[in-house]
């Protein structure tokens, strides 16, 4: 993971609560598409909560 992305992810993890801000939501979408090599998408949070939580978990594994 690039250094700038690591800083953004560290800030995300420090500020993350049960409610995502729009900025946090877009960061997860951007990083997941970048590091998991897929087109940028914004999944519906109410429809795909599990998918989005999985994305966060997958990015966490890269960060570690």
N, C-alpha and C. Protein backbone atom coordinates (compact mmCIF):
# COMPACT_ATOMS: atom_id res chain seq x y z
N UNK A 1 0.85 -1.18 0.00
CA UNK A 1 0.00 0.00 0.00
C UNK A 1 0.90 1.24 0.00
N UNK A 2 0.55 2.18 -0.84
CA UNK A 2 1.32 3.42 -0.91
C UNK A 2 1.22 4.21 0.39
N UNK A 3 2.26 4.98 0.66
CA UNK A 3 2.33 5.71 1.93
C UNK A 3 1.16 6.66 2.13
N UNK A 4 0.78 7.38 1.10
CA UNK A 4 -0.33 8.33 1.22
C UNK A 4 -1.63 7.59 1.55
N UNK A 5 -1.81 6.42 0.95
CA UNK A 5 -3.01 5.63 1.23
C UNK A 5 -2.98 5.07 2.65
N UNK A 6 -1.79 4.71 3.10
CA UNK A 6 -1.66 4.23 4.48
C UNK A 6 -2.07 5.31 5.49
N UNK A 7 -1.65 6.53 5.21
CA UNK A 7 -2.02 7.64 6.10
C UNK A 7 -3.53 7.85 6.10
N UNK A 8 -4.12 7.81 4.90
CA UNK A 8 -5.57 7.98 4.81
C UNK A 8 -6.29 6.85 5.54
N UNK A 9 -5.78 5.62 5.40
CA UNK A 9 -6.43 4.48 6.03
C UNK A 9 -6.27 4.54 7.55
N UNK A 10 -5.12 4.97 8.01
CA UNK A 10 -4.90 5.10 9.45
C UNK A 10 -5.87 6.12 10.03
N UNK A 11 -6.05 7.23 9.34
CA UNK A 11 -7.00 8.25 9.80
C UNK A 11 -8.43 7.69 9.78
N UNK A 12 -8.75 6.93 8.73
CA UNK A 12 -10.07 6.30 8.65
C UNK A 12 -10.31 5.40 9.86
N UNK A 13 -9.33 4.57 10.19
CA UNK A 13 -9.49 3.63 11.30
C UNK A 13 -9.62 4.36 12.65
N UNK A 14 -8.96 5.47 12.78
CA UNK A 14 -9.05 6.25 14.02
C UNK A 14 -10.41 6.91 14.17
N UNK A 15 -11.01 7.31 13.06
CA UNK A 15 -12.26 8.06 13.10
C UNK A 15 -13.50 7.22 12.86
N UNK A 16 -13.32 5.98 12.41
CA UNK A 16 -14.43 5.12 12.01
C UNK A 16 -15.33 4.78 13.20
N UNK A 17 -16.62 5.00 13.00
CA UNK A 17 -17.63 4.61 13.98
C UNK A 17 -18.69 3.81 13.23
N UNK A 18 -19.82 3.60 13.81
CA UNK A 18 -20.90 2.88 13.14
C UNK A 18 -21.45 3.64 11.95
N UNK A 19 -21.31 4.95 11.97
CA UNK A 19 -21.82 5.78 10.87
C UNK A 19 -20.65 6.29 10.04
N UNK A 20 -20.71 6.02 8.76
CA UNK A 20 -19.68 6.50 7.84
C UNK A 20 -20.02 7.89 7.35
N UNK A 21 -19.00 8.71 7.22
CA UNK A 21 -19.18 9.98 6.54
C UNK A 21 -19.08 9.70 5.04
N UNK A 22 -19.51 10.64 4.24
CA UNK A 22 -19.40 10.48 2.80
C UNK A 22 -17.93 10.35 2.38
N UNK A 23 -17.08 11.11 3.01
CA UNK A 23 -15.65 11.06 2.71
C UNK A 23 -15.07 9.67 3.04
N UNK A 24 -15.45 9.09 4.16
CA UNK A 24 -14.98 7.75 4.54
C UNK A 24 -15.49 6.70 3.55
N UNK A 25 -16.74 6.83 3.19
CA UNK A 25 -17.35 5.91 2.24
C UNK A 25 -16.60 5.92 0.91
N UNK A 26 -16.33 7.11 0.41
CA UNK A 26 -15.63 7.24 -0.87
C UNK A 26 -14.19 6.74 -0.77
N UNK A 27 -13.55 6.93 0.38
CA UNK A 27 -12.19 6.42 0.57
C UNK A 27 -12.16 4.90 0.46
N UNK A 28 -13.09 4.24 1.12
CA UNK A 28 -13.14 2.78 1.06
C UNK A 28 -13.36 2.33 -0.39
N UNK A 29 -14.27 2.95 -1.08
CA UNK A 29 -14.54 2.59 -2.48
C UNK A 29 -13.31 2.81 -3.35
N UNK A 30 -12.64 3.93 -3.15
CA UNK A 30 -11.46 4.26 -3.95
C UNK A 30 -10.33 3.27 -3.68
N UNK A 31 -10.03 3.03 -2.42
CA UNK A 31 -8.91 2.15 -2.09
C UNK A 31 -9.17 0.71 -2.52
N UNK A 32 -10.41 0.27 -2.34
CA UNK A 32 -10.70 -1.11 -2.72
C UNK A 32 -10.58 -1.28 -4.23
N UNK A 33 -11.07 -0.35 -4.98
CA UNK A 33 -10.96 -0.48 -6.45
C UNK A 33 -9.50 -0.41 -6.89
N UNK A 34 -8.72 0.42 -6.24
CA UNK A 34 -7.31 0.57 -6.60
C UNK A 34 -6.51 -0.70 -6.29
N UNK A 35 -6.67 -1.23 -5.10
CA UNK A 35 -5.83 -2.35 -4.67
C UNK A 35 -6.40 -3.72 -5.00
N UNK A 36 -7.66 -3.77 -5.36
CA UNK A 36 -8.25 -5.06 -5.74
C UNK A 36 -8.64 -5.07 -7.21
N UNK A 37 -8.11 -4.08 -7.91
CA UNK A 37 -8.11 -4.08 -9.37
C UNK A 37 -9.50 -4.25 -9.98
N UNK A 38 -10.41 -3.39 -9.60
CA UNK A 38 -11.72 -3.39 -10.23
C UNK A 38 -12.18 -1.95 -10.45
N UNK A 39 -13.16 -1.81 -11.28
CA UNK A 39 -13.71 -0.50 -11.57
C UNK A 39 -14.27 0.12 -10.29
N UNK A 40 -14.10 1.42 -10.15
CA UNK A 40 -14.64 2.14 -8.99
C UNK A 40 -16.16 2.00 -8.95
N UNK A 41 -16.67 1.51 -7.85
CA UNK A 41 -18.11 1.42 -7.64
C UNK A 41 -18.44 1.88 -6.24
N UNK A 42 -19.67 2.31 -6.06
CA UNK A 42 -20.16 2.73 -4.75
C UNK A 42 -21.36 1.86 -4.41
N UNK A 43 -21.11 0.76 -3.70
CA UNK A 43 -22.23 -0.13 -3.37
C UNK A 43 -23.23 0.53 -2.42
N UNK A 44 -24.45 0.16 -2.57
CA UNK A 44 -25.51 0.64 -1.69
C UNK A 44 -25.25 0.08 -0.29
N UNK A 45 -25.12 0.96 0.68
CA UNK A 45 -24.82 0.50 2.05
C UNK A 45 -25.98 -0.25 2.69
N UNK A 46 -27.17 0.18 2.42
CA UNK A 46 -28.31 -0.50 3.02
C UNK A 46 -28.57 -1.86 2.36
N UNK A 47 -28.18 -1.98 1.09
CA UNK A 47 -28.39 -3.24 0.36
C UNK A 47 -27.22 -4.20 0.52
N UNK A 48 -26.02 -3.65 0.62
CA UNK A 48 -24.81 -4.47 0.60
C UNK A 48 -23.89 -4.20 1.79
N UNK A 49 -24.45 -4.14 2.96
CA UNK A 49 -23.65 -3.84 4.14
C UNK A 49 -22.53 -4.86 4.32
N UNK A 50 -22.85 -6.14 4.15
CA UNK A 50 -21.84 -7.19 4.32
C UNK A 50 -20.70 -7.03 3.34
N UNK A 51 -21.02 -6.72 2.11
CA UNK A 51 -20.00 -6.53 1.08
C UNK A 51 -19.09 -5.37 1.47
N UNK A 52 -19.67 -4.30 1.93
CA UNK A 52 -18.88 -3.13 2.29
C UNK A 52 -17.99 -3.42 3.50
N UNK A 53 -18.51 -4.13 4.48
CA UNK A 53 -17.70 -4.52 5.64
C UNK A 53 -16.57 -5.45 5.22
N UNK A 54 -16.84 -6.29 4.25
CA UNK A 54 -15.80 -7.17 3.71
C UNK A 54 -14.70 -6.34 3.05
N UNK A 55 -15.09 -5.32 2.32
CA UNK A 55 -14.11 -4.43 1.69
C UNK A 55 -13.21 -3.79 2.75
N UNK A 56 -13.80 -3.34 3.83
CA UNK A 56 -13.02 -2.73 4.91
C UNK A 56 -12.04 -3.75 5.47
N UNK A 57 -12.49 -4.95 5.69
CA UNK A 57 -11.64 -6.01 6.21
C UNK A 57 -10.49 -6.33 5.25
N UNK A 58 -10.79 -6.39 3.97
CA UNK A 58 -9.75 -6.68 2.98
C UNK A 58 -8.70 -5.57 2.91
N UNK A 59 -9.14 -4.33 3.02
CA UNK A 59 -8.19 -3.21 3.03
C UNK A 59 -7.36 -3.24 4.31
N UNK A 60 -7.98 -3.60 5.41
CA UNK A 60 -7.24 -3.75 6.68
C UNK A 60 -6.09 -4.73 6.54
N UNK A 61 -6.35 -5.84 5.87
CA UNK A 61 -5.31 -6.86 5.68
C UNK A 61 -4.14 -6.32 4.86
N UNK A 62 -4.43 -5.50 3.88
CA UNK A 62 -3.35 -4.86 3.11
C UNK A 62 -2.58 -3.88 3.97
N UNK A 63 -3.29 -3.16 4.79
CA UNK A 63 -2.67 -2.14 5.63
C UNK A 63 -1.70 -2.76 6.63
N UNK A 64 -2.08 -3.91 7.18
CA UNK A 64 -1.21 -4.59 8.16
C UNK A 64 -0.01 -5.13 7.44
